[in-house]
Amino acid sequence: MALPFLHDNTVSRRRLEALARHLSDEDLLRSTPDGWTVAALFAHLAFWDRRVFVLLLRWKEKGVDPSPIDADALNDALKPLCLALDPRTAVRLCPSSADAADAELSTIGSELIERIQASPTHFRFNRALHRNDHLDQIELLLQTP
């Protein structure tokens, strides 16, 4: 079965990997107006892709169950942890987490997709939506003098 989000995920993962390879130490410390550094945004993306990976493994083994989350509160709680990470560590975690999520998403069948969609859990199969939002944000930040 062809899953429409797989291509988008691959393109966004490659974009993420390419950007990560070219960031200087100075680039990683640039900060958004709300206090997220480029490195912290990479850590943030790594977390959310890792969550997708973990949920899929769990749901394949035990069945789909609700996994409620308050994304705004979680992001607020996660922010100081992301900022505290060594910037290069944050950048290394991001592509590997994206790769793990994308690889797991490429193995799911239509039955699991239907069960996930029927559950109350907010789940993005298309990881590119989240990645590209932040990659756009990072690229814009890097263009700012």
N, C-alpha and C. Protein backbone atom coordinates (compact mmCIF):
# COMPACT_ATOMS: atom_id res chain seq x y z
N MET A 1 0.85 -1.18 0.00
CA MET A 1 0.00 0.00 0.00
C MET A 1 0.90 1.24 0.00
N ALA A 2 0.60 2.16 -0.90
CA ALA A 2 1.35 3.42 -0.97
C ALA A 2 0.80 4.39 0.06
N LEU A 3 1.64 4.83 0.94
CA LEU A 3 1.23 5.78 1.98
C LEU A 3 1.68 7.17 1.55
N PRO A 4 0.74 8.09 1.37
CA PRO A 4 1.07 9.40 0.80
C PRO A 4 2.06 10.22 1.63
N PHE A 5 2.13 9.97 2.92
CA PHE A 5 3.00 10.78 3.77
C PHE A 5 4.46 10.33 3.71
N LEU A 6 4.73 9.13 3.22
CA LEU A 6 6.10 8.61 3.24
C LEU A 6 7.05 9.47 2.42
N HIS A 7 6.63 9.89 1.25
CA HIS A 7 7.48 10.73 0.40
C HIS A 7 7.78 12.06 1.10
N ASP A 8 6.74 12.70 1.64
CA ASP A 8 6.93 13.97 2.34
C ASP A 8 7.89 13.81 3.51
N ASN A 9 7.74 12.72 4.25
CA ASN A 9 8.62 12.47 5.40
C ASN A 9 10.07 12.32 4.95
N THR A 10 10.29 11.59 3.86
CA THR A 10 11.65 11.40 3.35
C THR A 10 12.26 12.72 2.93
N VAL A 11 11.50 13.52 2.20
CA VAL A 11 12.01 14.82 1.74
C VAL A 11 12.36 15.71 2.93
N SER A 12 11.49 15.75 3.93
CA SER A 12 11.76 16.61 5.09
C SER A 12 12.94 16.09 5.91
N ARG A 13 13.07 14.76 5.99
CA ARG A 13 14.21 14.19 6.73
C ARG A 13 15.52 14.53 6.02
N ARG A 14 15.53 14.45 4.71
CA ARG A 14 16.74 14.80 3.95
C ARG A 14 17.06 16.29 4.09
N ARG A 15 16.04 17.10 4.10
CA ARG A 15 16.23 18.54 4.29
C ARG A 15 16.84 18.81 5.67
N LEU A 16 16.31 18.13 6.67
CA LEU A 16 16.81 18.26 8.04
C LEU A 16 18.27 17.83 8.12
N GLU A 17 18.58 16.69 7.51
CA GLU A 17 19.96 16.18 7.53
C GLU A 17 20.92 17.15 6.84
N ALA A 18 20.50 17.70 5.71
CA ALA A 18 21.36 18.64 4.97
C ALA A 18 21.61 19.91 5.79
N LEU A 19 20.57 20.42 6.40
CA LEU A 19 20.74 21.62 7.23
C LEU A 19 21.64 21.33 8.42
N ALA A 20 21.44 20.20 9.06
CA ALA A 20 22.24 19.84 10.24
C ALA A 20 23.73 19.76 9.91
N ARG A 21 24.05 19.27 8.72
CA ARG A 21 25.46 19.13 8.31
C ARG A 21 26.17 20.47 8.15
N HIS A 22 25.42 21.52 7.89
CA HIS A 22 26.05 22.80 7.55
C HIS A 22 25.97 23.86 8.64
N LEU A 23 25.48 23.50 9.80
CA LEU A 23 25.33 24.49 10.88
C LEU A 23 26.64 24.69 11.63
N SER A 24 27.01 25.93 11.80
CA SER A 24 28.19 26.25 12.61
C SER A 24 27.79 26.27 14.09
N ASP A 25 28.79 26.29 14.94
CA ASP A 25 28.51 26.39 16.38
C ASP A 25 27.75 27.68 16.67
N GLU A 26 28.11 28.74 15.97
CA GLU A 26 27.42 30.03 16.15
C GLU A 26 25.96 29.93 15.71
N ASP A 27 25.71 29.25 14.60
CA ASP A 27 24.33 29.06 14.11
C ASP A 27 23.48 28.36 15.16
N LEU A 28 24.04 27.36 15.80
CA LEU A 28 23.29 26.56 16.77
C LEU A 28 22.84 27.37 17.97
N LEU A 29 23.54 28.46 18.25
CA LEU A 29 23.21 29.28 19.41
C LEU A 29 22.29 30.45 19.09
N ARG A 30 21.98 30.64 17.81
CA ARG A 30 21.02 31.71 17.46
C ARG A 30 19.68 31.38 18.10
N SER A 31 18.99 32.44 18.49
CA SER A 31 17.76 32.25 19.27
C SER A 31 16.56 32.90 18.61
N THR A 32 15.42 32.24 18.71
CA THR A 32 14.16 32.80 18.24
C THR A 32 13.69 33.85 19.24
N PRO A 33 12.73 34.69 18.87
CA PRO A 33 12.21 35.68 19.82
C PRO A 33 11.63 35.06 21.10
N ASP A 34 11.16 33.81 21.02
CA ASP A 34 10.61 33.18 22.22
C ASP A 34 11.63 32.30 22.96
N GLY A 35 12.92 32.45 22.61
CA GLY A 35 13.97 31.85 23.42
C GLY A 35 14.43 30.46 23.03
N TRP A 36 13.95 29.92 21.94
CA TRP A 36 14.42 28.61 21.48
C TRP A 36 15.65 28.82 20.61
N THR A 37 16.76 28.17 20.93
CA THR A 37 17.92 28.22 20.05
C THR A 37 17.70 27.25 18.89
N VAL A 38 18.52 27.40 17.86
CA VAL A 38 18.47 26.46 16.74
C VAL A 38 18.70 25.04 17.26
N ALA A 39 19.69 24.87 18.12
CA ALA A 39 19.96 23.54 18.68
C ALA A 39 18.77 23.01 19.46
N ALA A 40 18.13 23.85 20.25
CA ALA A 40 16.97 23.42 21.03
C ALA A 40 15.81 23.02 20.12
N LEU A 41 15.65 23.70 18.99
CA LEU A 41 14.61 23.31 18.04
C LEU A 41 14.91 21.94 17.45
N PHE A 42 16.17 21.65 17.20
CA PHE A 42 16.54 20.31 16.74
C PHE A 42 16.21 19.26 17.81
N ALA A 43 16.48 19.57 19.06
CA ALA A 43 16.15 18.64 20.15
C ALA A 43 14.64 18.45 20.25
N HIS A 44 13.89 19.52 20.10
CA HIS A 44 12.43 19.49 20.12
C HIS A 44 11.91 18.55 19.02
N LEU A 45 12.42 18.71 17.81
CA LEU A 45 12.02 17.83 16.72
C LEU A 45 12.39 16.38 17.01
N ALA A 46 13.57 16.18 17.58
CA ALA A 46 14.00 14.82 17.93
C ALA A 46 13.03 14.18 18.91
N PHE A 47 12.60 14.94 19.91
CA PHE A 47 11.65 14.40 20.88
C PHE A 47 10.36 13.94 20.21
N TRP A 48 9.78 14.82 19.39
CA TRP A 48 8.47 14.50 18.80
C TRP A 48 8.57 13.34 17.81
N ASP A 49 9.67 13.24 17.06
CA ASP A 49 9.84 12.08 16.18
C ASP A 49 10.07 10.82 16.99
N ARG A 50 10.81 10.93 18.08
CA ARG A 50 11.04 9.76 18.93
C ARG A 50 9.73 9.29 19.55
N ARG A 51 8.86 10.22 19.91
CA ARG A 51 7.54 9.86 20.46
C ARG A 51 6.75 9.04 19.44
N VAL A 52 6.75 9.48 18.19
CA VAL A 52 6.06 8.73 17.13
C VAL A 52 6.62 7.31 17.04
N PHE A 53 7.93 7.19 17.05
CA PHE A 53 8.57 5.88 16.98
C PHE A 53 8.14 4.98 18.14
N VAL A 54 8.19 5.51 19.35
CA VAL A 54 7.84 4.73 20.54
C VAL A 54 6.37 4.34 20.53
N LEU A 55 5.50 5.27 20.17
CA LEU A 55 4.07 4.95 20.11
C LEU A 55 3.79 3.84 19.10
N LEU A 56 4.39 3.92 17.94
CA LEU A 56 4.15 2.89 16.93
C LEU A 56 4.62 1.52 17.40
N LEU A 57 5.78 1.46 18.02
CA LEU A 57 6.25 0.18 18.56
C LEU A 57 5.28 -0.36 19.59
N ARG A 58 4.84 0.50 20.49
CA ARG A 58 3.91 0.08 21.54
C ARG A 58 2.58 -0.38 20.95
N TRP A 59 2.06 0.39 20.02
CA TRP A 59 0.76 0.06 19.43
C TRP A 59 0.82 -1.22 18.61
N LYS A 60 1.93 -1.48 17.96
CA LYS A 60 2.07 -2.73 17.21
C LYS A 60 2.06 -3.93 18.15
N GLU A 61 2.66 -3.76 19.30
CA GLU A 61 2.77 -4.85 20.26
C GLU A 61 1.52 -5.03 21.11
N LYS A 62 0.93 -3.93 21.58
CA LYS A 62 -0.14 -4.00 22.58
C LYS A 62 -1.48 -3.49 22.09
N GLY A 63 -1.54 -2.98 20.88
CA GLY A 63 -2.77 -2.39 20.38
C GLY A 63 -2.80 -0.90 20.66
N VAL A 64 -3.62 -0.21 19.89
CA VAL A 64 -3.71 1.24 20.00
C VAL A 64 -4.50 1.60 21.25
N ASP A 65 -3.91 2.45 22.06
CA ASP A 65 -4.59 2.96 23.25
C ASP A 65 -4.42 4.47 23.26
N PRO A 66 -5.25 5.16 24.02
CA PRO A 66 -5.12 6.62 24.07
C PRO A 66 -3.76 7.02 24.64
N SER A 67 -3.21 8.03 24.07
CA SER A 67 -1.96 8.58 24.57
C SER A 67 -2.13 10.09 24.61
N PRO A 68 -2.95 10.55 25.57
CA PRO A 68 -3.26 11.99 25.61
C PRO A 68 -2.01 12.80 25.94
N ILE A 69 -2.00 13.99 25.39
CA ILE A 69 -0.85 14.86 25.61
C ILE A 69 -1.30 16.30 25.46
N ASP A 70 -0.78 17.14 26.30
CA ASP A 70 -0.98 18.58 26.18
C ASP A 70 0.30 19.11 25.56
N ALA A 71 0.29 19.28 24.24
CA ALA A 71 1.51 19.62 23.51
C ALA A 71 2.12 20.94 23.98
N ASP A 72 1.29 21.93 24.26
CA ASP A 72 1.83 23.23 24.70
C ASP A 72 2.52 23.12 26.05
N ALA A 73 1.88 22.44 26.99
CA ALA A 73 2.50 22.26 28.31
C ALA A 73 3.77 21.42 28.20
N LEU A 74 3.71 20.39 27.38
CA LEU A 74 4.88 19.54 27.21
C LEU A 74 6.04 20.33 26.59
N ASN A 75 5.74 21.12 25.56
CA ASN A 75 6.79 21.94 24.95
C ASN A 75 7.38 22.93 25.95
N ASP A 76 6.53 23.53 26.78
CA ASP A 76 7.03 24.45 27.81
C ASP A 76 7.94 23.73 28.80
N ALA A 77 7.56 22.51 29.18
CA ALA A 77 8.37 21.73 30.12
C ALA A 77 9.66 21.24 29.46
N LEU A 78 9.58 20.94 28.19
CA LEU A 78 10.72 20.42 27.45
C LEU A 78 11.76 21.49 27.11
N LYS A 79 11.31 22.72 26.98
CA LYS A 79 12.19 23.80 26.52
C LYS A 79 13.49 23.92 27.33
N PRO A 80 13.45 23.99 28.68
CA PRO A 80 14.72 24.12 29.40
C PRO A 80 15.62 22.90 29.23
N LEU A 81 15.04 21.73 29.04
CA LEU A 81 15.85 20.53 28.82
C LEU A 81 16.52 20.59 27.45
N CYS A 82 15.77 21.03 26.45
CA CYS A 82 16.34 21.17 25.10
C CYS A 82 17.45 22.21 25.09
N LEU A 83 17.24 23.30 25.80
CA LEU A 83 18.25 24.35 25.86
C LEU A 83 19.50 23.90 26.62
N ALA A 84 19.34 22.98 27.56
CA ALA A 84 20.47 22.52 28.37
C ALA A 84 21.35 21.50 27.65
N LEU A 85 20.80 20.87 26.62
CA LEU A 85 21.58 19.87 25.88
C LEU A 85 22.76 20.52 25.17
N ASP A 86 23.85 19.78 25.08
CA ASP A 86 24.96 20.22 24.24
C ASP A 86 24.41 20.41 22.82
N PRO A 87 24.67 21.55 22.18
CA PRO A 87 24.09 21.82 20.86
C PRO A 87 24.39 20.73 19.82
N ARG A 88 25.60 20.24 19.80
CA ARG A 88 25.94 19.20 18.81
C ARG A 88 25.22 17.89 19.11
N THR A 89 24.99 17.60 20.38
CA THR A 89 24.23 16.41 20.74
C THR A 89 22.79 16.54 20.25
N ALA A 90 22.21 17.71 20.43
CA ALA A 90 20.84 17.96 19.96
C ALA A 90 20.75 17.74 18.45
N VAL A 91 21.73 18.24 17.73
CA VAL A 91 21.72 18.10 16.27
C VAL A 91 21.89 16.63 15.86
N ARG A 92 22.71 15.88 16.57
CA ARG A 92 22.89 14.46 16.25
C ARG A 92 21.63 13.65 16.54
N LEU A 93 20.92 13.99 17.60
CA LEU A 93 19.71 13.25 17.96
C LEU A 93 18.59 13.42 16.93
N CYS A 94 18.55 14.56 16.30
CA CYS A 94 17.42 14.89 15.42
C CYS A 94 17.33 13.99 14.19
N PRO A 95 18.37 13.87 13.37
CA PRO A 95 18.25 13.00 12.19
C PRO A 95 18.03 11.53 12.55
N SER A 96 18.66 11.06 13.62
CA SER A 96 18.46 9.66 13.99
C SER A 96 17.04 9.40 14.47
N SER A 97 16.45 10.36 15.15
CA SER A 97 15.06 10.23 15.59
C SER A 97 14.11 10.29 14.40
N ALA A 98 14.39 11.19 13.47
CA ALA A 98 13.57 11.28 12.25
C ALA A 98 13.66 9.99 11.45
N ASP A 99 14.86 9.45 11.35
CA ASP A 99 15.05 8.20 10.62
C ASP A 99 14.28 7.05 11.28
N ALA A 100 14.34 6.98 12.60
CA ALA A 100 13.62 5.92 13.32
C ALA A 100 12.11 6.04 13.12
N ALA A 101 11.59 7.25 13.24
CA ALA A 101 10.15 7.46 13.05
C ALA A 101 9.74 7.11 11.62
N ASP A 102 10.49 7.60 10.65
CA ASP A 102 10.15 7.35 9.26
C ASP A 102 10.23 5.87 8.92
N ALA A 103 11.24 5.19 9.42
CA ALA A 103 11.38 3.76 9.16
C ALA A 103 10.20 2.99 9.74
N GLU A 104 9.80 3.33 10.94
CA GLU A 104 8.67 2.64 11.56
C GLU A 104 7.37 2.96 10.83
N LEU A 105 7.19 4.22 10.45
CA LEU A 105 5.99 4.60 9.70
C LEU A 105 5.90 3.86 8.37
N SER A 106 7.04 3.55 7.78
CA SER A 106 7.03 2.86 6.48
C SER A 106 6.58 1.41 6.59
N THR A 107 6.50 0.89 7.81
CA THR A 107 6.13 -0.52 7.99
C THR A 107 4.68 -0.71 8.41
N ILE A 108 3.96 0.36 8.68
CA ILE A 108 2.60 0.19 9.20
C ILE A 108 1.62 -0.12 8.08
N GLY A 109 0.64 -0.93 8.43
CA GLY A 109 -0.38 -1.31 7.47
C GLY A 109 -1.65 -0.50 7.63
N SER A 110 -2.55 -0.70 6.71
CA SER A 110 -3.79 0.08 6.70
C SER A 110 -4.64 -0.17 7.94
N GLU A 111 -4.59 -1.39 8.47
CA GLU A 111 -5.39 -1.69 9.67
C GLU A 111 -4.92 -0.87 10.87
N LEU A 112 -3.61 -0.78 11.06
CA LEU A 112 -3.08 0.02 12.17
C LEU A 112 -3.37 1.50 11.95
N ILE A 113 -3.23 1.95 10.72
CA ILE A 113 -3.54 3.35 10.42
C ILE A 113 -4.98 3.66 10.80
N GLU A 114 -5.90 2.78 10.42
CA GLU A 114 -7.32 3.00 10.73
C GLU A 114 -7.56 3.02 12.24
N ARG A 115 -6.90 2.13 12.97
CA ARG A 115 -7.08 2.11 14.43
C ARG A 115 -6.52 3.38 15.07
N ILE A 116 -5.41 3.86 14.58
CA ILE A 116 -4.83 5.10 15.12
C ILE A 116 -5.75 6.27 14.81
N GLN A 117 -6.24 6.34 13.58
CA GLN A 117 -7.13 7.44 13.19
C GLN A 117 -8.44 7.41 13.97
N ALA A 118 -8.88 6.23 14.38
CA ALA A 118 -10.13 6.11 15.14
C ALA A 118 -9.93 6.42 16.63
N SER A 119 -8.69 6.47 17.08
CA SER A 119 -8.42 6.73 18.50
C SER A 119 -8.46 8.23 18.77
N PRO A 120 -8.58 8.60 20.04
CA PRO A 120 -8.59 10.03 20.38
C PRO A 120 -7.20 10.67 20.39
N THR A 121 -6.18 9.89 20.17
CA THR A 121 -4.81 10.39 20.21
C THR A 121 -4.50 11.26 19.00
N HIS A 122 -3.94 12.44 19.25
CA HIS A 122 -3.46 13.28 18.15
C HIS A 122 -2.15 12.67 17.66
N PHE A 123 -2.15 12.26 16.41
CA PHE A 123 -0.98 11.58 15.86
C PHE A 123 -0.75 12.06 14.43
N ARG A 124 0.45 12.55 14.15
CA ARG A 124 0.79 13.02 12.80
C ARG A 124 1.60 11.95 12.07
N PHE A 125 0.97 11.32 11.10
CA PHE A 125 1.69 10.39 10.24
C PHE A 125 2.67 11.17 9.37
N ASN A 126 2.23 12.34 8.93
CA ASN A 126 3.06 13.17 8.07
C ASN A 126 3.98 14.01 8.96
N ARG A 127 5.17 13.49 9.20
CA ARG A 127 6.14 14.16 10.07
C ARG A 127 6.68 15.42 9.40
N ALA A 128 6.56 15.50 8.09
CA ALA A 128 7.07 16.65 7.35
C ALA A 128 6.39 17.94 7.78
N LEU A 129 5.13 17.86 8.17
CA LEU A 129 4.40 19.07 8.58
C LEU A 129 5.11 19.77 9.74
N HIS A 130 5.45 19.01 10.76
CA HIS A 130 6.11 19.56 11.94
C HIS A 130 7.56 19.94 11.62
N ARG A 131 8.26 19.03 10.96
CA ARG A 131 9.66 19.30 10.63
C ARG A 131 9.80 20.57 9.80
N ASN A 132 9.01 20.65 8.74
CA ASN A 132 9.15 21.79 7.83
C ASN A 132 8.80 23.11 8.49
N ASP A 133 7.83 23.10 9.40
CA ASP A 133 7.52 24.32 10.15
C ASP A 133 8.77 24.85 10.86
N HIS A 134 9.46 23.95 11.55
CA HIS A 134 10.64 24.38 12.30
C HIS A 134 11.86 24.59 11.41
N LEU A 135 11.99 23.82 10.35
CA LEU A 135 13.11 24.04 9.43
C LEU A 135 12.96 25.39 8.74
N ASP A 136 11.74 25.75 8.37
CA ASP A 136 11.49 27.09 7.82
C ASP A 136 11.88 28.17 8.83
N GLN A 137 11.48 27.95 10.07
CA GLN A 137 11.79 28.89 11.16
C GLN A 137 13.31 29.03 11.33
N ILE A 138 14.02 27.92 11.31
CA ILE A 138 15.47 27.93 11.47
C ILE A 138 16.14 28.64 10.29
N GLU A 139 15.72 28.30 9.09
CA GLU A 139 16.33 28.92 7.91
C GLU A 139 16.10 30.43 7.89
N LEU A 140 14.93 30.85 8.28
CA LEU A 140 14.65 32.29 8.36
C LEU A 140 15.54 32.95 9.41
N LEU A 141 15.68 32.30 10.55
CA LEU A 141 16.52 32.81 11.62
C LEU A 141 17.98 32.94 11.17
N LEU A 142 18.45 31.97 10.40
CA LEU A 142 19.84 31.99 9.93
C LEU A 142 20.08 33.07 8.89
N GLN A 143 19.03 33.51 8.22
CA GLN A 143 19.16 34.59 7.23
C GLN A 143 19.17 35.96 7.87
N THR A 144 18.75 36.03 9.13
CA THR A 144 18.69 37.31 9.84
C THR A 144 20.09 37.68 10.32
N PRO A 145 20.52 38.91 9.99
CA PRO A 145 21.88 39.31 10.43
C PRO A 145 21.98 39.47 11.94
